[in-house]
Amino acid sequence: MTKTKARKICFLTGSRAEYGLLSGLIKKVQKNKSSSSQLIVTGTHLSKEYGNTIDFIIKDKIKISRKVDISLIKNTKLGVAKSLSLAVEKISRNLNNLNPDLLILLGDRYETFAAAVSATILNIPIAHIHGGETTQGAFDESFRHSITKMSHFHFCSTKAYKKRIIQLGENPKNVFCVGALGIDNILSNKYLKIKQLEKEFSLPFSKKNIFITFHPVTLEKNSSLQYFKNLLRSLNKIEDVSLFFSKSNADPEGRKINNEIERFVKNNPSKSIVRPSFGQHLYFSLLKNMDLVIGNSSSGLIEVPHFKIPTINIGDRQLGRIKGKSVINCLPTEDSIDSAIKKAFSKSFLSDIKKFKNPYGDGGATEKIANKIFSLNLDKILKKTFHDL
């Protein structure tokens, strides 16, 4: 009997958030005897400024096949464009050497877009996770839908997103609604207690505890820094509070936001801390004990609702993404943020969100995706047809 050749499945990760979502799936693929796992690490994982988050991958004992440095020297739109071109060149070379049977991509970052371009030219089939979503305030919106058109299989988080992927002309037979990977990571996390967290951060918990993640709104010109300053002014009005800041990502204006965070924490050391990245274990342990999450991160809309705590979603960065009952949208003005904070801490709102269903599911996405990618038929998959409605 001829032994079946192990399928080479390659993952690419370029940021802390992306790896956090993919880690469980990568581990499951690595353990499967019928497949051979590959991992390309790039983007901010290799940057000291953004926390050297490759250390989280190493700590998880996941084998890294290639490190692709596309250093973002200038945190500007031109700087991102230069990193994107460098990513296409370097990722293409490494994909060509690894020669996987299938490339797994998640999300909408420009590093992910570069990998999709590279794989398309090299005739490598792509499976895309978290397609069909919209973020109308960021250029990631265009990257995500472009990745969808270059991909051959799609794993989406809601039925509405599945419908949108099909609307883009993708074959319904290759679009799978599985829920959000982040929910699985929450369910498998081993949580630290408050005393352990206080020791970890050298910051006592207060009557109110708030986690803040704010990223640039990349489709607006030089507005993100002002929006963030408005947020800081609102936070500064809250009494008896502990503030946990996660640094902004590597988008244009990200460094300016991070400088403001560091300045704020330096001036308010008794009530605030900042880290470039918390890692999943600490992040979810914090969320379990937070009273509010505020900013404009997708995690506030997808994972945070699982904990039945309020999310304040500021501005247009996540505009168009499905939001649960626990999410409060507000304008990026000081008055609007003040009003949203007041609502988030109100007894009526807190009572209202004690029981609701997270639109992104209740777990199981990792298992569903793994079962599919092991059995996908890759024969003749490269020649796609446009599915007309």
Protein backbone atom coordinates (compact mmCIF):
# COMPACT_ATOMS: atom_id res chain seq x y z
CA MET A 1 0.00 0.00 0.00
CA THR A 2 1.37 3.42 -0.98
CA LYS A 3 1.85 5.73 1.98
CA THR A 4 -0.10 9.01 1.61
CA LYS A 5 2.16 12.03 1.49
CA ALA A 6 1.70 14.39 4.46
CA ARG A 7 -0.03 17.61 3.45
CA LYS A 8 2.17 20.65 4.07
CA ILE A 9 0.07 23.35 5.73
CA CYS A 10 1.69 26.76 6.14
CA PHE A 11 0.56 29.54 8.49
CA LEU A 12 1.67 33.16 8.43
CA THR A 13 1.47 35.56 11.37
CA GLY A 14 2.53 39.20 11.49
CA SER A 15 0.98 40.55 14.70
CA ARG A 16 0.17 39.70 18.31
CA ALA A 17 -3.61 39.67 17.78
CA GLU A 18 -3.42 37.44 14.72
CA TYR A 19 -1.16 34.88 16.40
CA GLY A 20 -3.40 34.81 19.46
CA LEU A 21 -6.29 33.72 17.27
CA LEU A 22 -4.27 31.21 15.23
CA SER A 23 -2.25 29.57 18.01
CA GLY A 24 -4.76 26.86 18.92
CA LEU A 25 -5.25 25.89 15.28
CA ILE A 26 -1.49 25.80 14.63
CA LYS A 27 -0.99 23.48 17.61
CA LYS A 28 -3.75 21.18 16.39
CA VAL A 29 -2.23 20.97 12.91
CA GLN A 30 1.22 20.27 14.37
CA LYS A 31 -0.15 17.29 16.28
CA ASN A 32 -1.89 15.80 13.24
CA LYS A 33 0.09 12.92 11.73
CA SER A 34 -1.41 13.36 8.26
CA SER A 35 -0.05 16.90 7.92
CA SER A 36 3.21 18.79 8.15
CA SER A 37 3.01 22.25 9.75
CA GLN A 38 4.99 25.32 8.67
CA LEU A 39 5.00 28.78 10.22
CA ILE A 40 6.23 32.08 8.79
CA VAL A 41 6.69 34.83 11.39
CA THR A 42 6.92 38.43 10.23
CA GLY A 43 5.70 41.98 10.95
CA THR A 44 5.71 43.39 14.48
CA HIS A 45 6.53 39.98 16.00
CA LEU A 46 10.18 40.79 15.19
CA SER A 47 10.12 44.34 16.54
CA LYS A 48 11.46 45.32 19.97
CA GLU A 49 9.31 48.46 19.82
CA TYR A 50 6.15 46.33 19.63
CA GLY A 51 7.20 43.88 22.32
CA ASN A 52 9.16 41.15 20.46
CA THR A 53 5.97 39.09 20.45
CA ILE A 54 7.80 36.24 18.73
CA ASP A 55 8.67 35.32 22.33
CA PHE A 56 5.04 34.25 22.87
CA ILE A 57 5.37 31.84 19.93
CA ILE A 58 8.63 30.44 21.26
CA LYS A 59 7.10 30.08 24.73
CA ASP A 60 4.25 28.07 23.17
CA LYS A 61 6.90 25.69 21.75
CA ILE A 62 5.64 26.17 18.21
CA LYS A 63 8.26 25.49 15.56
CA ILE A 64 9.05 28.53 13.42
CA SER A 65 9.95 27.71 9.81
CA ARG A 66 10.94 31.20 8.65
CA LYS A 67 11.45 34.67 10.17
CA VAL A 68 10.77 37.40 7.62
CA ASP A 69 11.88 40.86 8.73
CA ILE A 70 9.96 43.69 7.03
CA SER A 71 10.93 46.36 9.57
CA LEU A 72 8.64 49.40 9.61
CA ILE A 73 11.30 52.12 9.81
CA LYS A 74 8.87 55.02 9.40
CA ASN A 75 5.39 54.80 10.93
CA THR A 76 3.84 56.67 7.99
CA LYS A 77 1.65 55.72 5.05
CA LEU A 78 4.71 55.72 2.77
CA GLY A 79 6.57 53.64 5.36
CA VAL A 80 3.77 51.06 5.37
CA ALA A 81 3.78 50.99 1.55
CA LYS A 82 7.53 50.32 1.56
CA SER A 83 7.13 47.53 4.13
CA LEU A 84 4.35 46.04 2.01
CA SER A 85 6.57 45.88 -1.06
CA LEU A 86 9.38 44.37 1.00
CA ALA A 87 6.94 41.82 2.43
CA VAL A 88 5.87 40.65 -1.05
CA GLU A 89 9.49 40.18 -2.10
CA LYS A 90 10.64 38.34 1.05
CA ILE A 91 7.50 36.27 1.70
CA SER A 92 7.47 35.13 -1.96
CA ARG A 93 11.00 33.84 -1.65
CA ASN A 94 10.25 31.95 1.57
CA LEU A 95 6.96 30.49 0.32
CA ASN A 96 8.74 29.31 -2.81
CA ASN A 97 11.31 27.50 -0.66
CA LEU A 98 8.74 25.99 1.72
CA ASN A 99 6.40 25.01 -1.16
CA PRO A 100 3.30 24.33 1.00
CA ASP A 101 0.17 22.57 -0.25
CA LEU A 102 -2.04 25.12 1.51
CA LEU A 103 -1.46 28.55 3.05
CA ILE A 104 -3.64 29.60 6.01
CA LEU A 105 -4.16 33.36 6.40
CA LEU A 106 -6.21 35.27 8.95
CA GLY A 107 -7.65 38.75 8.84
CA ASP A 108 -6.77 41.88 6.97
CA ARG A 109 -3.30 43.20 7.81
CA TYR A 110 -1.03 44.40 5.00
CA GLU A 111 1.44 41.60 5.79
CA THR A 112 -1.40 39.14 5.21
CA PHE A 113 -2.28 40.85 1.93
CA ALA A 114 1.38 40.58 0.86
CA ALA A 115 1.33 36.85 1.60
CA ALA A 116 -1.87 36.40 -0.42
CA VAL A 117 -0.30 38.18 -3.42
CA SER A 118 2.80 36.02 -3.10
CA ALA A 119 0.85 32.75 -2.86
CA THR A 120 -1.38 33.70 -5.80
CA ILE A 121 1.63 34.22 -8.06
CA LEU A 122 3.26 31.00 -6.81
CA ASN A 123 0.07 28.93 -7.38
CA ILE A 124 -0.35 28.07 -3.70
CA PRO A 125 -3.98 27.55 -2.57
CA ILE A 126 -5.13 29.86 0.24
CA ALA A 127 -7.59 29.32 3.09
CA HIS A 128 -8.70 32.61 4.63
CA ILE A 129 -10.12 33.06 8.14
CA HIS A 130 -12.31 36.00 9.24
CA GLY A 131 -13.24 37.16 5.75
CA GLY A 132 -16.46 38.96 4.86
CA GLU A 133 -16.17 41.44 7.73
CA THR A 134 -16.08 45.19 7.31
CA THR A 135 -14.00 47.90 9.01
CA GLN A 136 -14.87 51.01 7.09
CA GLY A 137 -12.48 53.28 8.97
CA ALA A 138 -9.31 51.38 8.03
CA PHE A 139 -7.50 50.48 4.80
CA ASP A 140 -7.64 46.91 6.14
CA GLU A 141 -11.16 46.86 4.65
CA SER A 142 -9.75 46.77 1.12
CA PHE A 143 -7.01 44.31 2.05
CA ARG A 144 -9.52 41.87 3.57
CA HIS A 145 -11.82 41.74 0.54
CA SER A 146 -8.83 41.49 -1.80
CA ILE A 147 -7.54 38.53 0.21
CA THR A 148 -10.99 36.95 -0.12
CA LYS A 149 -10.76 37.16 -3.92
CA MET A 150 -7.31 35.56 -3.88
CA SER A 151 -8.41 32.77 -1.52
CA HIS A 152 -9.92 29.41 -2.38
CA PHE A 153 -11.47 28.42 0.95
CA HIS A 154 -13.12 30.68 3.51
CA PHE A 155 -13.77 30.27 7.23
CA CYS A 156 -16.03 33.07 8.46
CA SER A 157 -17.44 33.93 11.88
CA THR A 158 -21.12 34.70 11.17
CA LYS A 159 -23.80 33.86 8.61
CA ALA A 160 -23.91 37.50 7.49
CA TYR A 161 -20.20 37.36 6.65
CA LYS A 162 -20.68 34.09 4.77
CA LYS A 163 -23.34 35.80 2.67
CA ARG A 164 -20.98 38.68 1.91
CA ILE A 165 -18.16 36.35 0.80
CA ILE A 166 -20.55 34.64 -1.59
CA GLN A 167 -21.70 38.08 -2.75
CA LEU A 168 -18.07 38.69 -3.73
CA GLY A 169 -18.35 35.79 -6.16
CA GLU A 170 -16.94 32.92 -4.09
CA ASN A 171 -18.23 29.37 -4.44
CA PRO A 172 -20.72 28.69 -1.58
CA LYS A 173 -19.36 25.12 -1.31
CA ASN A 174 -16.01 26.55 -0.19
CA VAL A 175 -17.38 29.01 2.38
CA PHE A 176 -17.74 27.68 5.93
CA CYS A 177 -19.38 29.49 8.85
CA VAL A 178 -17.47 28.34 11.96
CA GLY A 179 -17.68 31.17 14.51
CA ALA A 180 -14.73 33.11 15.93
CA LEU A 181 -11.44 31.47 16.91
CA GLY A 182 -11.00 33.92 19.79
CA ILE A 183 -13.87 32.32 21.72
CA ASP A 184 -12.01 28.98 21.78
CA ASN A 185 -8.95 30.69 23.25
CA ILE A 186 -11.07 32.22 26.01
CA LEU A 187 -12.58 28.85 26.90
CA SER A 188 -9.18 27.13 27.06
CA ASN A 189 -7.43 29.90 29.05
CA LYS A 190 -6.20 29.27 32.60
CA TYR A 191 -7.08 32.47 34.41
CA LEU A 192 -4.92 34.29 36.93
CA LYS A 193 -6.54 35.64 40.08
CA ILE A 194 -6.64 39.38 40.91
CA LYS A 195 -3.83 39.08 43.48
CA GLN A 196 -1.62 37.42 40.87
CA LEU A 197 -2.42 40.16 38.33
CA GLU A 198 -1.70 42.89 40.86
CA LYS A 199 1.69 41.33 41.52
CA GLU A 200 2.37 40.93 37.77
CA PHE A 201 1.68 44.60 37.03
CA SER A 202 2.59 46.18 40.39
CA LEU A 203 -0.75 47.96 40.17
CA PRO A 204 -3.65 47.42 42.57
CA PHE A 205 -7.14 46.90 41.18
CA SER A 206 -9.61 49.67 41.98
CA LYS A 207 -13.37 50.13 42.20
CA LYS A 208 -13.37 50.56 38.42
CA ASN A 209 -10.89 48.73 36.16
CA ILE A 210 -10.61 49.57 32.46
CA PHE A 211 -8.67 48.00 29.59
CA ILE A 212 -7.79 50.33 26.70
CA THR A 213 -6.72 49.47 23.14
CA PHE A 214 -6.83 52.22 20.54
CA HIS A 215 -5.54 51.92 16.96
CA PRO A 216 -5.21 54.54 14.19
CA VAL A 217 -8.15 55.24 11.89
CA THR A 218 -6.13 54.82 8.72
CA LEU A 219 -8.70 56.16 6.23
CA GLU A 220 -8.73 59.55 7.93
CA LYS A 221 -5.92 62.08 7.69
CA ASN A 222 -4.02 62.84 10.92
CA SER A 223 -7.09 62.56 13.16
CA SER A 224 -6.31 59.50 15.30
CA LEU A 225 -3.98 61.28 17.72
CA GLN A 226 -6.60 63.92 18.52
CA TYR A 227 -9.24 61.22 19.03
CA PHE A 228 -6.93 59.45 21.47
CA LYS A 229 -6.24 62.65 23.39
CA ASN A 230 -10.01 63.06 23.76
CA LEU A 231 -10.15 59.55 25.21
CA LEU A 232 -7.36 60.30 27.71
CA ARG A 233 -9.16 63.42 28.90
CA SER A 234 -12.32 61.39 29.49
CA LEU A 235 -10.43 58.66 31.35
CA ASN A 236 -8.73 61.23 33.55
CA LYS A 237 -12.12 62.30 34.93
CA ILE A 238 -12.92 58.86 36.36
CA GLU A 239 -12.26 58.46 40.10
CA ASP A 240 -10.99 55.34 41.85
CA VAL A 241 -9.88 53.66 38.61
CA SER A 242 -7.05 51.45 37.37
CA LEU A 243 -6.18 51.73 33.68
CA PHE A 244 -4.50 48.97 31.64
CA PHE A 245 -3.18 50.20 28.28
CA SER A 246 -2.14 47.96 25.40
CA LYS A 247 -0.04 49.80 22.83
CA SER A 248 -1.33 50.64 19.38
CA ASN A 249 -0.37 48.62 16.32
CA ALA A 250 2.10 49.51 13.56
CA ASP A 251 -0.32 51.51 11.42
CA PRO A 252 0.44 55.17 10.54
CA GLU A 253 0.12 57.40 13.65
CA GLY A 254 0.56 54.34 15.89
CA ARG A 255 3.82 55.62 17.36
CA LYS A 256 2.26 58.99 18.16
CA ILE A 257 -0.53 57.26 20.08
CA ASN A 258 2.01 55.09 21.92
CA ASN A 259 4.01 58.17 22.91
CA GLU A 260 0.83 59.68 24.40
CA ILE A 261 0.18 56.46 26.34
CA GLU A 262 3.70 56.42 27.76
CA ARG A 263 3.43 60.08 28.75
CA PHE A 264 0.09 59.49 30.45
CA VAL A 265 1.33 56.44 32.37
CA LYS A 266 4.49 58.27 33.45
CA ASN A 267 2.33 61.08 34.86
CA ASN A 268 -0.16 58.66 36.46
CA PRO A 269 1.89 55.71 37.75
CA SER A 270 -0.43 54.98 40.67
CA LYS A 271 -3.42 54.21 38.45
CA SER A 272 -2.09 53.07 35.06
CA ILE A 273 0.28 50.68 33.31
CA VAL A 274 1.17 50.01 29.68
CA ARG A 275 2.59 47.04 27.80
CA PRO A 276 3.31 46.62 24.09
CA SER A 277 1.42 43.33 24.26
CA PHE A 278 -0.08 41.26 27.07
CA GLY A 279 -0.25 37.86 25.43
CA GLN A 280 -3.41 35.77 25.55
CA HIS A 281 -2.99 34.40 29.06
CA LEU A 282 -2.67 37.80 30.72
CA TYR A 283 -5.09 39.51 28.35
CA PHE A 284 -7.98 37.15 29.01
CA SER A 285 -7.18 37.05 32.73
CA LEU A 286 -7.47 40.82 32.78
CA LEU A 287 -10.70 40.84 30.77
CA LYS A 288 -12.28 38.45 33.26
CA ASN A 289 -11.70 41.10 35.95
CA MET A 290 -12.35 44.29 33.99
CA ASP A 291 -15.37 46.53 34.39
CA LEU A 292 -15.03 48.07 30.94
CA VAL A 293 -13.05 47.77 27.70
CA ILE A 294 -12.67 50.91 25.63
CA GLY A 295 -11.02 51.76 22.29
CA ASN A 296 -11.53 50.61 18.70
CA SER A 297 -10.10 47.10 18.55
CA SER A 298 -11.95 44.18 16.94
CA SER A 299 -11.40 42.19 20.13
CA GLY A 300 -13.78 44.54 21.92
CA LEU A 301 -16.52 43.43 19.55
CA ILE A 302 -15.67 39.74 19.15
CA GLU A 303 -14.06 38.36 22.33
CA VAL A 304 -14.94 40.85 25.09
CA PRO A 305 -18.74 40.26 24.87
CA HIS A 306 -18.11 36.69 26.08
CA PHE A 307 -17.27 38.15 29.51
CA LYS A 308 -20.58 40.06 29.69
CA ILE A 309 -18.82 43.39 30.31
CA PRO A 310 -19.33 46.63 28.35
CA THR A 311 -17.24 47.62 25.36
CA ILE A 312 -17.09 51.24 24.25
CA ASN A 313 -16.28 51.31 20.54
CA ILE A 314 -14.96 54.74 19.52
CA GLY A 315 -15.34 56.20 16.04
CA ASP A 316 -15.41 54.57 12.61
CA ARG A 317 -12.51 52.12 12.64
CA GLN A 318 -14.83 49.13 13.20
CA LEU A 319 -17.78 50.64 11.31
CA GLY A 320 -19.77 47.89 9.60
CA ARG A 321 -18.66 45.04 11.86
CA ILE A 322 -21.44 43.12 13.63
CA LYS A 323 -21.79 44.22 17.25
CA GLY A 324 -23.44 42.52 20.22
CA LYS A 325 -25.67 44.03 22.88
CA SER A 326 -22.73 44.84 25.19
CA VAL A 327 -21.08 47.21 22.68
CA ILE A 328 -21.68 50.96 22.97
CA ASN A 329 -20.77 53.01 19.90
CA CYS A 330 -19.70 56.61 20.35
CA LEU A 331 -18.14 59.47 18.43
CA PRO A 332 -14.42 60.21 18.99
CA THR A 333 -15.26 63.42 20.86
CA GLU A 334 -14.70 64.01 24.57
CA ASP A 335 -18.41 64.63 25.26
CA SER A 336 -19.51 61.50 23.41
CA ILE A 337 -16.91 59.35 25.19
CA ASP A 338 -17.99 60.80 28.54
CA SER A 339 -21.61 59.88 27.82
CA ALA A 340 -20.65 56.36 26.72
CA ILE A 341 -18.64 55.79 29.93
CA LYS A 342 -21.59 56.97 32.00
CA LYS A 343 -23.88 54.56 30.17
CA ALA A 344 -21.41 51.66 30.51
CA PHE A 345 -21.32 52.01 34.29
CA SER A 346 -25.09 52.51 34.68
CA LYS A 347 -27.00 49.83 36.58
CA SER A 348 -29.62 49.54 33.84
CA PHE A 349 -27.06 48.83 31.10
CA LEU A 350 -25.07 46.38 33.23
CA SER A 351 -28.30 44.55 34.09
CA ASP A 352 -29.32 44.51 30.43
CA ILE A 353 -26.14 42.73 29.25
CA LYS A 354 -26.04 39.97 31.86
CA LYS A 355 -27.75 37.60 29.46
CA PHE A 356 -27.29 37.85 25.69
CA LYS A 357 -25.84 35.69 22.91
CA ASN A 358 -22.51 36.68 21.43
CA PRO A 359 -23.06 36.96 17.63
CA TYR A 360 -19.60 35.41 17.11
CA GLY A 361 -20.58 32.07 18.60
CA ASP A 362 -19.81 30.09 21.72
CA GLY A 363 -16.72 28.14 20.68
CA GLY A 364 -15.70 25.22 18.48
CA ALA A 365 -14.21 27.14 15.54
CA THR A 366 -10.74 25.61 15.95
CA GLU A 367 -12.03 22.05 15.69
CA LYS A 368 -14.29 22.88 12.74
CA ILE A 369 -11.49 24.55 10.75
CA ALA A 370 -8.98 21.79 11.54
CA ASN A 371 -11.36 19.05 10.42
CA LYS A 372 -11.94 20.86 7.14
CA ILE A 373 -8.35 21.73 6.22
CA PHE A 374 -7.25 18.13 6.72
CA SER A 375 -9.86 16.95 4.21
CA LEU A 376 -10.10 19.77 1.66
CA ASN A 377 -9.85 18.65 -1.95
CA LEU A 378 -7.04 20.71 -3.47
CA ASP A 379 -7.25 19.17 -6.94
CA LYS A 380 -7.91 21.80 -9.62
CA ILE A 381 -8.76 24.37 -6.92
CA LEU A 382 -6.55 27.10 -8.41
CA LYS A 383 -8.85 27.71 -11.38
CA LYS A 384 -11.68 29.62 -9.72
CA THR A 385 -14.98 30.56 -11.30
CA PHE A 386 -16.98 33.63 -10.30
CA HIS A 387 -20.19 32.61 -8.56
CA ASP A 388 -22.96 34.86 -9.85
CA LEU A 389 -25.97 35.49 -7.63
